[in-house]
PDB file of N, CA and C in Angstrom:
ATOM      1  N   MET A   1      11.426  -0.835 -20.596  1.00  0.00           N
ATOM      2  CA  MET A   1      11.743  -2.022 -19.825  1.00  0.00           C
ATOM      3  C   MET A   1      11.273  -3.254 -20.590  1.00  0.00           C
ATOM      4  N   LYS A   2      12.099  -4.264 -20.592  1.00  0.00           N
ATOM      5  CA  LYS A   2      11.761  -5.531 -21.241  1.00  0.00           C
ATOM      6  C   LYS A   2      10.831  -6.316 -20.320  1.00  0.00           C
ATOM      7  N   ILE A   3       9.727  -6.760 -20.883  1.00  0.00           N
ATOM      8  CA  ILE A   3       8.749  -7.540 -20.118  1.00  0.00           C
ATOM      9  C   ILE A   3       9.033  -9.019 -20.352  1.00  0.00           C
ATOM     10  N   GLY A   4       9.152  -9.742 -19.257  1.00  0.00           N
ATOM     11  CA  GLY A   4       9.405 -11.171 -19.329  1.00  0.00           C
ATOM     12  C   GLY A   4       8.355 -11.963 -18.577  1.00  0.00           C
ATOM     13  N   ARG A   5       8.605 -13.241 -18.456  1.00  0.00           N
ATOM     14  CA  ARG A   5       7.662 -14.129 -17.755  1.00  0.00           C
ATOM     15  C   ARG A   5       7.471 -13.724 -16.299  1.00  0.00           C
ATOM     16  N   GLU A   6       8.532 -13.277 -15.657  1.00  0.00           N
ATOM     17  CA  GLU A   6       8.420 -12.875 -14.254  1.00  0.00           C
ATOM     18  C   GLU A   6       7.442 -11.719 -14.095  1.00  0.00           C
ATOM     19  N   GLU A   7       7.486 -10.764 -15.002  1.00  0.00           N
ATOM     20  CA  GLU A   7       6.575  -9.624 -14.944  1.00  0.00           C
ATOM     21  C   GLU A   7       5.140 -10.060 -15.205  1.00  0.00           C
ATOM     22  N   LEU A   8       4.965 -11.010 -16.136  1.00  0.00           N
ATOM     23  CA  LEU A   8       3.622 -11.536 -16.391  1.00  0.00           C
ATOM     24  C   LEU A   8       3.084 -12.293 -15.183  1.00  0.00           C
ATOM     25  N   GLU A   9       3.952 -13.036 -14.518  1.00  0.00           N
ATOM     26  CA  GLU A   9       3.533 -13.744 -13.303  1.00  0.00           C
ATOM     27  C   GLU A   9       3.121 -12.752 -12.216  1.00  0.00           C
ATOM     28  N   ALA A  10       3.879 -11.670 -12.097  1.00  0.00           N
ATOM     29  CA  ALA A  10       3.545 -10.641 -11.108  1.00  0.00           C
ATOM     30  C   ALA A  10       2.213  -9.983 -11.461  1.00  0.00           C
ATOM     31  N   LEU A  11       1.992  -9.728 -12.744  1.00  0.00           N
ATOM     32  CA  LEU A  11       0.721  -9.145 -13.179  1.00  0.00           C
ATOM     33  C   LEU A  11      -0.430 -10.081 -12.852  1.00  0.00           C
ATOM     34  N   ARG A  12      -0.247 -11.361 -13.114  1.00  0.00           N
ATOM     35  CA  ARG A  12      -1.298 -12.335 -12.809  1.00  0.00           C
ATOM     36  C   ARG A  12      -1.619 -12.328 -11.309  1.00  0.00           C
ATOM     37  N   GLU A  13      -0.600 -12.265 -10.480  1.00  0.00           N
ATOM     38  CA  GLU A  13      -0.807 -12.222  -9.026  1.00  0.00           C
ATOM     39  C   GLU A  13      -1.558 -10.961  -8.615  1.00  0.00           C
ATOM     40  N   GLU A  14      -1.199  -9.825  -9.209  1.00  0.00           N
ATOM     41  CA  GLU A  14      -1.886  -8.568  -8.885  1.00  0.00           C
ATOM     42  C   GLU A  14      -3.341  -8.620  -9.343  1.00  0.00           C
ATOM     43  N   LEU A  15      -3.585  -9.200 -10.510  1.00  0.00           N
ATOM     44  CA  LEU A  15      -4.956  -9.346 -10.987  1.00  0.00           C
ATOM     45  C   LEU A  15      -5.760 -10.246 -10.054  1.00  0.00           C
ATOM     46  N   GLU A  16      -5.147 -11.320  -9.570  1.00  0.00           N
ATOM     47  CA  GLU A  16      -5.833 -12.216  -8.638  1.00  0.00           C
ATOM     48  C   GLU A  16      -6.205 -11.487  -7.349  1.00  0.00           C
ATOM     49  N   LYS A  17      -5.296 -10.650  -6.832  1.00  0.00           N
ATOM     50  CA  LYS A  17      -5.600  -9.864  -5.628  1.00  0.00           C
ATOM     51  C   LYS A  17      -6.760  -8.914  -5.889  1.00  0.00           C
ATOM     52  N   LEU A  18      -6.713  -8.246  -7.028  1.00  0.00           N
ATOM     53  CA  LEU A  18      -7.756  -7.296  -7.397  1.00  0.00           C
ATOM     54  C   LEU A  18      -9.100  -7.988  -7.537  1.00  0.00           C
ATOM     55  N   MET A  19      -9.110  -9.127  -8.210  1.00  0.00           N
ATOM     56  CA  MET A  19     -10.349  -9.877  -8.410  1.00  0.00           C
ATOM     57  C   MET A  19     -10.890 -10.408  -7.087  1.00  0.00           C
ATOM     58  N   GLU A  20     -10.006 -10.887  -6.237  1.00  0.00           N
ATOM     59  CA  GLU A  20     -10.427 -11.394  -4.925  1.00  0.00           C
ATOM     60  C   GLU A  20     -11.069 -10.270  -4.107  1.00  0.00           C
ATOM     61  N   PHE A  21     -10.492  -9.084  -4.173  1.00  0.00           N
ATOM     62  CA  PHE A  21     -11.049  -7.950  -3.449  1.00  0.00           C
ATOM     63  C   PHE A  21     -12.463  -7.628  -3.959  1.00  0.00           C
ATOM     64  N   VAL A  22     -12.620  -7.562  -5.274  1.00  0.00           N
ATOM     65  CA  VAL A  22     -13.940  -7.231  -5.842  1.00  0.00           C
ATOM     66  C   VAL A  22     -14.954  -8.319  -5.485  1.00  0.00           C
ATOM     67  N   ARG A  23     -14.554  -9.577  -5.587  1.00  0.00           N
ATOM     68  CA  ARG A  23     -15.470 -10.668  -5.213  1.00  0.00           C
ATOM     69  C   ARG A  23     -15.877 -10.565  -3.752  1.00  0.00           C
ATOM     70  N   GLY A  24     -14.937 -10.188  -2.899  1.00  0.00           N
ATOM     71  CA  GLY A  24     -15.232 -10.044  -1.484  1.00  0.00           C
ATOM     72  C   GLY A  24     -16.194  -8.900  -1.204  1.00  0.00           C
ATOM     73  N   MET A  25     -16.087  -7.839  -1.968  1.00  0.00           N
ATOM     74  CA  MET A  25     -16.972  -6.691  -1.779  1.00  0.00           C
ATOM     75  C   MET A  25     -18.355  -6.949  -2.365  1.00  0.00           C
ATOM     76  N   GLU A  26     -18.405  -7.639  -3.465  1.00  0.00           N
ATOM     77  CA  GLU A  26     -19.661  -7.845  -4.198  1.00  0.00           C
ATOM     78  C   GLU A  26     -20.080  -9.303  -4.126  1.00  0.00           C
ATOM     79  N   GLN A  27     -20.548  -9.736  -3.034  1.00  0.00           N
ATOM     80  CA  GLN A  27     -20.912 -11.131  -2.868  1.00  0.00           C
ATOM     81  C   GLN A  27     -22.236 -11.425  -3.563  1.00  0.00           C
ATOM     82  N   GLY A  28     -22.229 -11.301  -4.840  1.00  0.00           N
ATOM     83  CA  GLY A  28     -23.401 -11.512  -5.682  1.00  0.00           C
ATOM     84  C   GLY A  28     -22.998 -11.203  -7.110  1.00  0.00           C
ATOM     85  N   GLU A  29     -23.764 -10.352  -7.756  1.00  0.00           N
ATOM     86  CA  GLU A  29     -23.450  -9.973  -9.131  1.00  0.00           C
ATOM     87  C   GLU A  29     -22.205  -9.090  -9.151  1.00  0.00           C
ATOM     88  N   LEU A  30     -21.265  -9.485  -9.974  1.00  0.00           N
ATOM     89  CA  LEU A  30     -20.008  -8.744 -10.064  1.00  0.00           C
ATOM     90  C   LEU A  30     -20.142  -7.586 -11.040  1.00  0.00           C
ATOM     91  N   PRO A  31     -19.398  -6.514 -10.830  1.00  0.00           N
ATOM     92  CA  PRO A  31     -19.460  -5.370 -11.739  1.00  0.00           C
ATOM     93  C   PRO A  31     -19.013  -5.765 -13.145  1.00  0.00           C
ATOM     94  N   TYR A  32     -19.482  -5.015 -14.111  1.00  0.00           N
ATOM     95  CA  TYR A  32     -19.197  -5.321 -15.517  1.00  0.00           C
ATOM     96  C   TYR A  32     -17.699  -5.401 -15.812  1.00  0.00           C
ATOM     97  N   PHE A  33     -16.918  -4.493 -15.254  1.00  0.00           N
ATOM     98  CA  PHE A  33     -15.492  -4.445 -15.556  1.00  0.00           C
ATOM     99  C   PHE A  33     -14.743  -5.689 -15.084  1.00  0.00           C
ATOM    100  N   TYR A  34     -15.305  -6.403 -14.125  1.00  0.00           N
ATOM    101  CA  TYR A  34     -14.639  -7.576 -13.555  1.00  0.00           C
ATOM    102  C   TYR A  34     -14.295  -8.603 -14.631  1.00  0.00           C
ATOM    103  N   ARG A  35     -15.163  -8.753 -15.613  1.00  0.00           N
ATOM    104  CA  ARG A  35     -14.940  -9.766 -16.657  1.00  0.00           C
ATOM    105  C   ARG A  35     -13.644  -9.545 -17.414  1.00  0.00           C
ATOM    106  N   TYR A  36     -13.232  -8.284 -17.531  1.00  0.00           N
ATOM    107  CA  TYR A  36     -11.992  -7.991 -18.247  1.00  0.00           C
ATOM    108  C   TYR A  36     -10.771  -8.375 -17.433  1.00  0.00           C
ATOM    109  N   PHE A  37     -10.853  -8.206 -16.130  1.00  0.00           N
ATOM    110  CA  PHE A  37      -9.759  -8.662 -15.273  1.00  0.00           C
ATOM    111  C   PHE A  37      -9.633 -10.185 -15.352  1.00  0.00           C
ATOM    112  N   ASP A  38     -10.768 -10.858 -15.330  1.00  0.00           N
ATOM    113  CA  ASP A  38     -10.798 -12.315 -15.435  1.00  0.00           C
ATOM    114  C   ASP A  38     -10.227 -12.767 -16.775  1.00  0.00           C
ATOM    115  N   THR A  39     -10.593 -12.074 -17.836  1.00  0.00           N
ATOM    116  CA  THR A  39     -10.084 -12.408 -19.170  1.00  0.00           C
ATOM    117  C   THR A  39      -8.570 -12.233 -19.226  1.00  0.00           C
ATOM    118  N   MET A  40      -8.079 -11.147 -18.648  1.00  0.00           N
ATOM    119  CA  MET A  40      -6.632 -10.913 -18.640  1.00  0.00           C
ATOM    120  C   MET A  40      -5.908 -12.033 -17.898  1.00  0.00           C
ATOM    121  N   LYS A  41      -6.411 -12.381 -16.735  1.00  0.00           N
ATOM    122  CA  LYS A  41      -5.777 -13.435 -15.936  1.00  0.00           C
ATOM    123  C   LYS A  41      -5.803 -14.765 -16.690  1.00  0.00           C
ATOM    124  N   ASN A  42      -6.934 -15.090 -17.285  1.00  0.00           N
ATOM    125  CA  ASN A  42      -7.041 -16.340 -18.041  1.00  0.00           C
ATOM    126  C   ASN A  42      -6.115 -16.347 -19.250  1.00  0.00           C
ATOM    127  N   ASN A  43      -5.994 -15.225 -19.941  1.00  0.00           N
ATOM    128  CA  ASN A  43      -5.090 -15.160 -21.093  1.00  0.00           C
ATOM    129  C   ASN A  43      -3.637 -15.349 -20.675  1.00  0.00           C
ATOM    130  N   ILE A  44      -3.273 -14.803 -19.534  1.00  0.00           N
ATOM    131  CA  ILE A  44      -1.909 -15.010 -19.035  1.00  0.00           C
ATOM    132  C   ILE A  44      -1.689 -16.484 -18.714  1.00  0.00           C
ATOM    133  N   GLU A  45      -2.670 -17.105 -18.075  1.00  0.00           N
ATOM    134  CA  GLU A  45      -2.538 -18.532 -17.759  1.00  0.00           C
ATOM    135  C   GLU A  45      -2.435 -19.373 -19.029  1.00  0.00           C
ATOM    136  N   ILE A  46      -3.213 -19.045 -20.047  1.00  0.00           N
ATOM    137  CA  ILE A  46      -3.126 -19.764 -21.321  1.00  0.00           C
ATOM    138  C   ILE A  46      -1.751 -19.563 -21.938  1.00  0.00           C
ATOM    139  N   PHE A  47      -1.256 -18.335 -21.912  1.00  0.00           N
ATOM    140  CA  PHE A  47       0.065 -18.030 -22.455  1.00  0.00           C
ATOM    141  C   PHE A  47       1.125 -18.913 -21.798  1.00  0.00           C
ATOM    142  N   PHE A  48       1.041 -19.072 -20.478  1.00  0.00           N
ATOM    143  CA  PHE A  48       2.003 -19.910 -19.769  1.00  0.00           C
ATOM    144  C   PHE A  48       1.820 -21.386 -20.114  1.00  0.00           C
ATOM    145  N   ARG A  49       0.591 -21.844 -20.214  1.00  0.00           N
ATOM    146  CA  ARG A  49       0.338 -23.268 -20.484  1.00  0.00           C
ATOM    147  C   ARG A  49       0.795 -23.697 -21.867  1.00  0.00           C
ATOM    148  N   ILE A  50       0.685 -22.787 -22.843  1.00  0.00           N
ATOM    149  CA  ILE A  50       1.144 -23.133 -24.193  1.00  0.00           C
ATOM    150  C   ILE A  50       2.624 -22.820 -24.362  1.00  0.00           C
ATOM    151  N   ASP A  51       3.236 -22.391 -23.246  1.00  0.00           N
ATOM    152  CA  ASP A  51       4.652 -22.047 -23.229  1.00  0.00           C
ATOM    153  C   ASP A  51       4.958 -20.970 -24.264  1.00  0.00           C
ATOM    154  N   GLY A  52       4.111 -19.936 -24.247  1.00  0.00           N
ATOM    155  CA  GLY A  52       4.296 -18.820 -25.173  1.00  0.00           C
ATOM    156  C   GLY A  52       5.633 -18.147 -24.962  1.00  0.00           C
ATOM    157  N   GLU A  53       6.195 -17.680 -26.055  1.00  0.00           N
ATOM    158  CA  GLU A  53       7.506 -17.053 -25.978  1.00  0.00           C
ATOM    159  C   GLU A  53       7.488 -15.598 -26.435  1.00  0.00           C
ATOM    160  N   ASP A  54       6.574 -15.235 -27.309  1.00  0.00           N
ATOM    161  CA  ASP A  54       6.577 -13.894 -27.877  1.00  0.00           C
ATOM    162  C   ASP A  54       5.672 -12.961 -27.080  1.00  0.00           C
ATOM    163  N   ILE A  55       6.208 -12.489 -25.988  1.00  0.00           N
ATOM    164  CA  ILE A  55       5.441 -11.633 -25.085  1.00  0.00           C
ATOM    165  C   ILE A  55       5.077 -10.319 -25.766  1.00  0.00           C
ATOM    166  N   GLU A  56       5.944  -9.819 -26.637  1.00  0.00           N
ATOM    167  CA  GLU A  56       5.678  -8.552 -27.325  1.00  0.00           C
ATOM    168  C   GLU A  56       4.407  -8.630 -28.171  1.00  0.00           C
ATOM    169  N   ASP A  57       4.121  -9.785 -28.739  1.00  0.00           N
ATOM    170  CA  ASP A  57       2.886  -9.955 -29.506  1.00  0.00           C
ATOM    171  C   ASP A  57       1.678 -10.159 -28.601  1.00  0.00           C
ATOM    172  N   PHE A  58       1.918 -10.596 -27.380  1.00  0.00           N
ATOM    173  CA  PHE A  58       0.848 -10.869 -26.420  1.00  0.00           C
ATOM    174  C   PHE A  58       0.407  -9.605 -25.684  1.00  0.00           C
ATOM    175  N   LEU A  59       1.303  -8.663 -25.488  1.00  0.00           N
ATOM    176  CA  LEU A  59       0.997  -7.447 -24.735  1.00  0.00           C
ATOM    177  C   LEU A  59      -0.213  -6.673 -25.260  1.00  0.00           C
ATOM    178  N   PRO A  60      -0.388  -6.522 -26.574  1.00  0.00           N
ATOM    179  CA  PRO A  60      -1.565  -5.781 -27.054  1.00  0.00           C
ATOM    180  C   PRO A  60      -2.900  -6.399 -26.622  1.00  0.00           C
ATOM    181  N   VAL A  61      -2.921  -7.699 -26.427  1.00  0.00           N
ATOM    182  CA  VAL A  61      -4.140  -8.369 -25.958  1.00  0.00           C
ATOM    183  C   VAL A  61      -4.447  -7.927 -24.528  1.00  0.00           C
ATOM    184  N   LEU A  62      -3.429  -7.899 -23.686  1.00  0.00           N
ATOM    185  CA  LEU A  62      -3.612  -7.459 -22.305  1.00  0.00           C
ATOM    186  C   LEU A  62      -3.998  -5.980 -22.252  1.00  0.00           C
ATOM    187  N   GLU A  63      -3.353  -5.173 -23.075  1.00  0.00           N
ATOM    188  CA  GLU A  63      -3.658  -3.745 -23.121  1.00  0.00           C
ATOM    189  C   GLU A  63      -5.102  -3.507 -23.555  1.00  0.00           C
ATOM    190  N   ARG A  64      -5.552  -4.264 -24.535  1.00  0.00           N
ATOM    191  CA  ARG A  64      -6.933  -4.140 -25.009  1.00  0.00           C
ATOM    192  C   ARG A  64      -7.924  -4.387 -23.877  1.00  0.00           C
ATOM    193  N   ASP A  65      -7.686  -5.442 -23.108  1.00  0.00           N
ATOM    194  CA  ASP A  65      -8.604  -5.778 -22.016  1.00  0.00           C
ATOM    195  C   ASP A  65      -8.509  -4.777 -20.872  1.00  0.00           C
ATOM    196  N   TRP A  66      -7.319  -4.262 -20.606  1.00  0.00           N
ATOM    197  CA  TRP A  66      -7.170  -3.250 -19.563  1.00  0.00           C
ATOM    198  C   TRP A  66      -7.945  -1.986 -19.953  1.00  0.00           C
ATOM    199  N   ARG A  67      -7.830  -1.570 -21.209  1.00  0.00           N
ATOM    200  CA  ARG A  67      -8.603  -0.406 -21.682  1.00  0.00           C
ATOM    201  C   ARG A  67     -10.094  -0.684 -21.587  1.00  0.00           C
ATOM    202  N   ALA A  68     -10.509  -1.885 -21.949  1.00  0.00           N
ATOM    203  CA  ALA A  68     -11.933  -2.243 -21.901  1.00  0.00           C
ATOM    204  C   ALA A  68     -12.471  -2.199 -20.470  1.00  0.00           C
ATOM    205  N   SER A  69     -11.634  -2.508 -19.508  1.00  0.00           N
ATOM    206  CA  SER A  69     -12.084  -2.466 -18.106  1.00  0.00           C
ATOM    207  C   SER A  69     -12.329  -1.034 -17.635  1.00  0.00           C
ATOM    208  N   HIS A  70     -11.924  -0.063 -18.441  1.00  0.00           N
ATOM    209  CA  HIS A  70     -12.108   1.353 -18.117  1.00  0.00           C
ATOM    210  C   HIS A  70     -13.144   2.008 -19.035  1.00  0.00           C
ATOM    211  N   THR A  71     -14.050   1.228 -19.585  1.00  0.00           N
ATOM    212  CA  THR A  71     -15.091   1.755 -20.466  1.00  0.00           C
ATOM    213  C   THR A  71     -15.898   2.837 -19.751  1.00  0.00           C
ATOM    214  N   VAL A  72     -16.229   3.877 -20.496  1.00  0.00           N
ATOM    215  CA  VAL A  72     -16.993   4.998 -19.941  1.00  0.00           C
ATOM    216  C   VAL A  72     -18.309   4.487 -19.338  1.00  0.00           C
ATOM    217  N   LEU A  73     -18.651   4.989 -18.182  1.00  0.00           N
ATOM    218  CA  LEU A  73     -19.881   4.734 -17.428  1.00  0.00           C
ATOM    219  C   LEU A  73     -19.974   3.371 -16.747  1.00  0.00           C
ATOM    220  N   ILE A  74     -19.283   2.366 -17.249  1.00  0.00           N
ATOM    221  CA  ILE A  74     -19.380   1.041 -16.632  1.00  0.00           C
ATOM    222  C   ILE A  74     -18.017   0.481 -16.245  1.00  0.00           C
ATOM    223  N   GLY A  75     -16.982   1.286 -16.423  1.00  0.00           N
ATOM    224  CA  GLY A  75     -15.632   0.831 -16.135  1.00  0.00           C
ATOM    225  C   GLY A  75     -15.267   0.914 -14.671  1.00  0.00           C
ATOM    226  N   VAL A  76     -14.097   0.439 -14.376  1.00  0.00           N
ATOM    227  CA  VAL A  76     -13.612   0.378 -13.007  1.00  0.00           C
ATOM    228  C   VAL A  76     -13.511   1.771 -12.383  1.00  0.00           C
ATOM    229  N   GLN A  77     -13.264   2.785 -13.191  1.00  0.00           N
ATOM    230  CA  GLN A  77     -13.152   4.141 -12.655  1.00  0.00           C
ATOM    231  C   GLN A  77     -14.485   4.659 -12.114  1.00  0.00           C
ATOM    232  N   CYS A  78     -15.580   4.013 -12.464  1.00  0.00           N
ATOM    233  CA  CYS A  78     -16.902   4.407 -11.968  1.00  0.00           C
ATOM    234  C   CYS A  78     -17.330   3.597 -10.748  1.00  0.00           C
ATOM    235  N   TYR A  79     -16.514   2.652 -10.352  1.00  0.00           N
ATOM    236  CA  TYR A  79     -16.838   1.789  -9.222  1.00  0.00           C
ATOM    237  C   TYR A  79     -16.621   2.551  -7.926  1.00  0.00           C
ATOM    238  N   ASP A  80     -17.677   2.774  -7.187  1.00  0.00           N
ATOM    239  CA  ASP A  80     -17.617   3.546  -5.954  1.00  0.00           C
ATOM    240  C   ASP A  80     -17.988   2.632  -4.782  1.00  0.00           C
ATOM    241  N   ILE A  81     -16.986   2.189  -4.093  1.00  0.00           N
ATOM    242  CA  ILE A  81     -17.195   1.269  -2.972  1.00  0.00           C
ATOM    243  C   ILE A  81     -18.098   1.889  -1.912  1.00  0.00           C
ATOM    244  N   ARG A  82     -17.867   3.154  -1.590  1.00  0.00           N
ATOM    245  CA  ARG A  82     -18.639   3.810  -0.531  1.00  0.00           C
ATOM    246  C   ARG A  82     -20.096   4.010  -0.924  1.00  0.00           C
ATOM    247  N   LYS A  83     -20.363   4.158  -2.201  1.00  0.00           N
ATOM    248  CA  LYS A  83     -21.747   4.316  -2.651  1.00  0.00           C
ATOM    249  C   LYS A  83     -22.513   2.999  -2.505  1.00  0.00           C
ATOM    250  N   LYS A  84     -21.867   1.916  -2.890  1.00  0.00           N
ATOM    251  CA  LYS A  84     -22.514   0.604  -2.801  1.00  0.00           C
ATOM    252  C   LYS A  84     -22.509   0.055  -1.377  1.00  0.00           C
ATOM    253  N   HIS A  85     -21.515   0.439  -0.606  1.00  0.00           N
ATOM    254  CA  HIS A  85     -21.350  -0.055   0.774  1.00  0.00           C
ATOM    255  C   HIS A  85     -21.052   1.136   1.681  1.00  0.00           C
ATOM    256  N   PRO A  86     -22.062   1.913   2.039  1.00  0.00           N
ATOM    257  CA  PRO A  86     -21.832   3.143   2.811  1.00  0.00           C
ATOM    258  C   PRO A  86     -21.151   2.924   4.165  1.00  0.00           C
ATOM    259  N   ASP A  87     -21.295   1.760   4.729  1.00  0.00           N
ATOM    260  CA  ASP A  87     -20.682   1.492   6.029  1.00  0.00           C
ATOM    261  C   ASP A  87     -19.259   0.931   5.918  1.00  0.00           C
ATOM    262  N   ALA A  88     -18.753   0.805   4.690  1.00  0.00           N
ATOM    263  CA  ALA A  88     -17.414   0.250   4.480  1.00  0.00           C
ATOM    264  C   ALA A  88     -16.351   1.226   4.985  1.00  0.00           C
ATOM    265  N   ASP A  89     -15.288   0.674   5.487  1.00  0.00           N
ATOM    266  CA  ASP A  89     -14.157   1.457   5.965  1.00  0.00           C
ATOM    267  C   ASP A  89     -13.557   2.238   4.790  1.00  0.00           C
ATOM    268  N   PRO A  90     -13.348   3.540   4.917  1.00  0.00           N
ATOM    269  CA  PRO A  90     -12.766   4.338   3.829  1.00  0.00           C
ATOM    270  C   PRO A  90     -11.391   3.848   3.382  1.00  0.00           C
ATOM    271  N   VAL A  91     -10.694   3.142   4.252  1.00  0.00           N
ATOM    272  CA  VAL A  91      -9.385   2.606   3.893  1.00  0.00           C
ATOM    273  C   VAL A  91      -9.511   1.600   2.743  1.00  0.00           C
ATOM    274  N   LEU A  92     -10.658   0.939   2.631  1.00  0.00           N
ATOM    275  CA  LEU A  92     -10.869  -0.005   1.539  1.00  0.00           C
ATOM    276  C   LEU A  92     -10.770   0.679   0.178  1.00  0.00           C
ATOM    277  N   CYS A  93     -11.228   1.912   0.097  1.00  0.00           N
ATOM    278  CA  CYS A  93     -11.136   2.671  -1.156  1.00  0.00           C
ATOM    279  C   CYS A  93      -9.673   2.884  -1.543  1.00  0.00           C
ATOM    280  N   LEU A  94      -8.868   3.207  -0.564  1.00  0.00           N
ATOM    281  CA  LEU A  94      -7.433   3.397  -0.818  1.00  0.00           C
ATOM    282  C   LEU A  94      -6.763   2.084  -1.193  1.00  0.00           C
ATOM    283  N   TYR A  95      -7.151   1.025  -0.534  1.00  0.00           N
ATOM    284  CA  TYR A  95      -6.593  -0.290  -0.842  1.00  0.00           C
ATOM    285  C   TYR A  95      -6.937  -0.681  -2.282  1.00  0.00           C
ATOM    286  N   PHE A  96      -8.180  -0.453  -2.666  1.00  0.00           N
ATOM    287  CA  PHE A  96      -8.626  -0.755  -4.026  1.00  0.00           C
ATOM    288  C   PHE A  96      -7.834   0.069  -5.042  1.00  0.00           C
ATOM    289  N   ALA A  97      -7.652   1.346  -4.772  1.00  0.00           N
ATOM    290  CA  ALA A  97      -6.871   2.200  -5.667  1.00  0.00           C
ATOM    291  C   ALA A  97      -5.435   1.694  -5.784  1.00  0.00           C
ATOM    292  N   GLY A  98      -4.890   1.216  -4.683  1.00  0.00           N
ATOM    293  CA  GLY A  98      -3.542   0.654  -4.707  1.00  0.00           C
ATOM    294  C   GLY A  98      -3.450  -0.601  -5.561  1.00  0.00           C
ATOM    295  N   LEU A  99      -4.457  -1.453  -5.467  1.00  0.00           N
ATOM    296  CA  LEU A  99      -4.486  -2.658  -6.297  1.00  0.00           C
ATOM    297  C   LEU A  99      -4.526  -2.294  -7.775  1.00  0.00           C
ATOM    298  N   LEU A 100      -5.350  -1.325  -8.113  1.00  0.00           N
ATOM    299  CA  LEU A 100      -5.444  -0.866  -9.505  1.00  0.00           C
ATOM    300  C   LEU A 100      -4.118  -0.283  -9.983  1.00  0.00           C
ATOM    301  N   SER A 101      -3.482   0.487  -9.134  1.00  0.00           N
ATOM    302  CA  SER A 101      -2.229   1.113  -9.548  1.00  0.00           C
ATOM    303  C   SER A 101      -1.124   0.081  -9.771  1.00  0.00           C
ATOM    304  N   GLU A 102      -1.166  -1.022  -9.032  1.00  0.00           N
ATOM    305  CA  GLU A 102      -0.170  -2.083  -9.251  1.00  0.00           C
ATOM    306  C   GLU A 102      -0.330  -2.702 -10.640  1.00  0.00           C
ATOM    307  N   VAL A 103      -1.567  -2.887 -11.068  1.00  0.00           N
ATOM    308  CA  VAL A 103      -1.801  -3.431 -12.409  1.00  0.00           C
ATOM    309  C   VAL A 103      -1.393  -2.389 -13.452  1.00  0.00           C
ATOM    310  N   GLU A 104      -1.770  -1.144 -13.254  1.00  0.00           N
ATOM    311  CA  GLU A 104      -1.420  -0.072 -14.187  1.00  0.00           C
ATOM    312  C   GLU A 104       0.089   0.063 -14.322  1.00  0.00           C
ATOM    313  N   ARG A 105       0.800  -0.143 -13.234  1.00  0.00           N
ATOM    314  CA  ARG A 105       2.265  -0.049 -13.257  1.00  0.00           C
ATOM    315  C   ARG A 105       2.867  -1.016 -14.276  1.00  0.00           C
ATOM    316  N   PHE A 106       2.268  -2.181 -14.420  1.00  0.00           N
ATOM    317  CA  PHE A 106       2.762  -3.137 -15.408  1.00  0.00           C
ATOM    318  C   PHE A 106       2.759  -2.509 -16.799  1.00  0.00           C
ATOM    319  N   PHE A 107       1.672  -1.838 -17.147  1.00  0.00           N
ATOM    320  CA  PHE A 107       1.558  -1.248 -18.479  1.00  0.00           C
ATOM    321  C   PHE A 107       2.504  -0.055 -18.642  1.00  0.00           C
ATOM    322  N   GLU A 108       2.736   0.655 -17.580  1.00  0.00           N
ATOM    323  CA  GLU A 108       3.701   1.744 -17.629  1.00  0.00           C
ATOM    324  C   GLU A 108       5.105   1.200 -17.849  1.00  0.00           C
ATOM    325  N   GLN A 109       5.434   0.097 -17.190  1.00  0.00           N
ATOM    326  CA  GLN A 109       6.761  -0.515 -17.335  1.00  0.00           C
ATOM    327  C   GLN A 109       6.962  -1.099 -18.721  1.00  0.00           C
ATOM    328  N   SER A 110       5.870  -1.579 -19.311  1.00  0.00           N
ATOM    329  CA  SER A 110       6.001  -2.204 -20.624  1.00  0.00           C
ATOM    330  C   SER A 110       6.120  -1.169 -21.737  1.00  0.00           C
ATOM    331  N   GLY A 111       5.967   0.100 -21.349  1.00  0.00           N
ATOM    332  CA  GLY A 111       6.067   1.147 -22.364  1.00  0.00           C
ATOM    333  C   GLY A 111       4.749   1.389 -23.073  1.00  0.00           C
ATOM    334  N   ALA A 112       3.716   0.714 -22.649  1.00  0.00           N
ATOM    335  CA  ALA A 112       2.408   0.877 -23.272  1.00  0.00           C
ATOM    336  C   ALA A 112       1.699   2.063 -22.637  1.00  0.00           C
ATOM    337  N   ASN A 113       0.947   2.741 -23.431  1.00  0.00           N
ATOM    338  CA  ASN A 113       0.110   3.821 -22.924  1.00  0.00           C
ATOM    339  C   ASN A 113      -1.289   3.260 -22.870  1.00  0.00           C
ATOM    340  N   ALA A 114      -1.545   2.435 -21.871  1.00  0.00           N
ATOM    341  CA  ALA A 114      -2.735   1.592 -21.818  1.00  0.00           C
ATOM    342  C   ALA A 114      -4.050   2.351 -21.886  1.00  0.00           C
ATOM    343  N   LEU A 115      -4.117   3.536 -21.337  1.00  0.00           N
ATOM    344  CA  LEU A 115      -5.391   4.241 -21.331  1.00  0.00           C
ATOM    345  C   LEU A 115      -5.406   5.424 -22.282  1.00  0.00           C
ATOM    346  N   ALA A 116      -4.481   5.462 -23.202  1.00  0.00           N
ATOM    347  CA  ALA A 116      -4.458   6.562 -24.181  1.00  0.00           C
ATOM    348  C   ALA A 116      -5.478   6.340 -25.274  1.00  0.00           C
TER     349      ALA A 116
END
């Protein structure tokens, strides 16, 4: 699938939802992986502001940060909402997984094997 500006805008929106959720859960120090989501969102905004055109050259930057957000032991896959917030509704875990899958879908559509 060809990735265009519309797909990047959708990715930015999904990242914003994901970041808002994490900020809402962690009203203090944010988890380590959060910085990579923030970096991805900021890079997309910079790409738009400079009116970037070569998305194919930009994709590896996003893929790099997505992989970094999954670093062993400190990545998003180790984030356990119920462990940090035992009284949290279990549905929040599913919602969080859904937010992550929406971002991952972007990389699947772009033909990238983001976590390989």
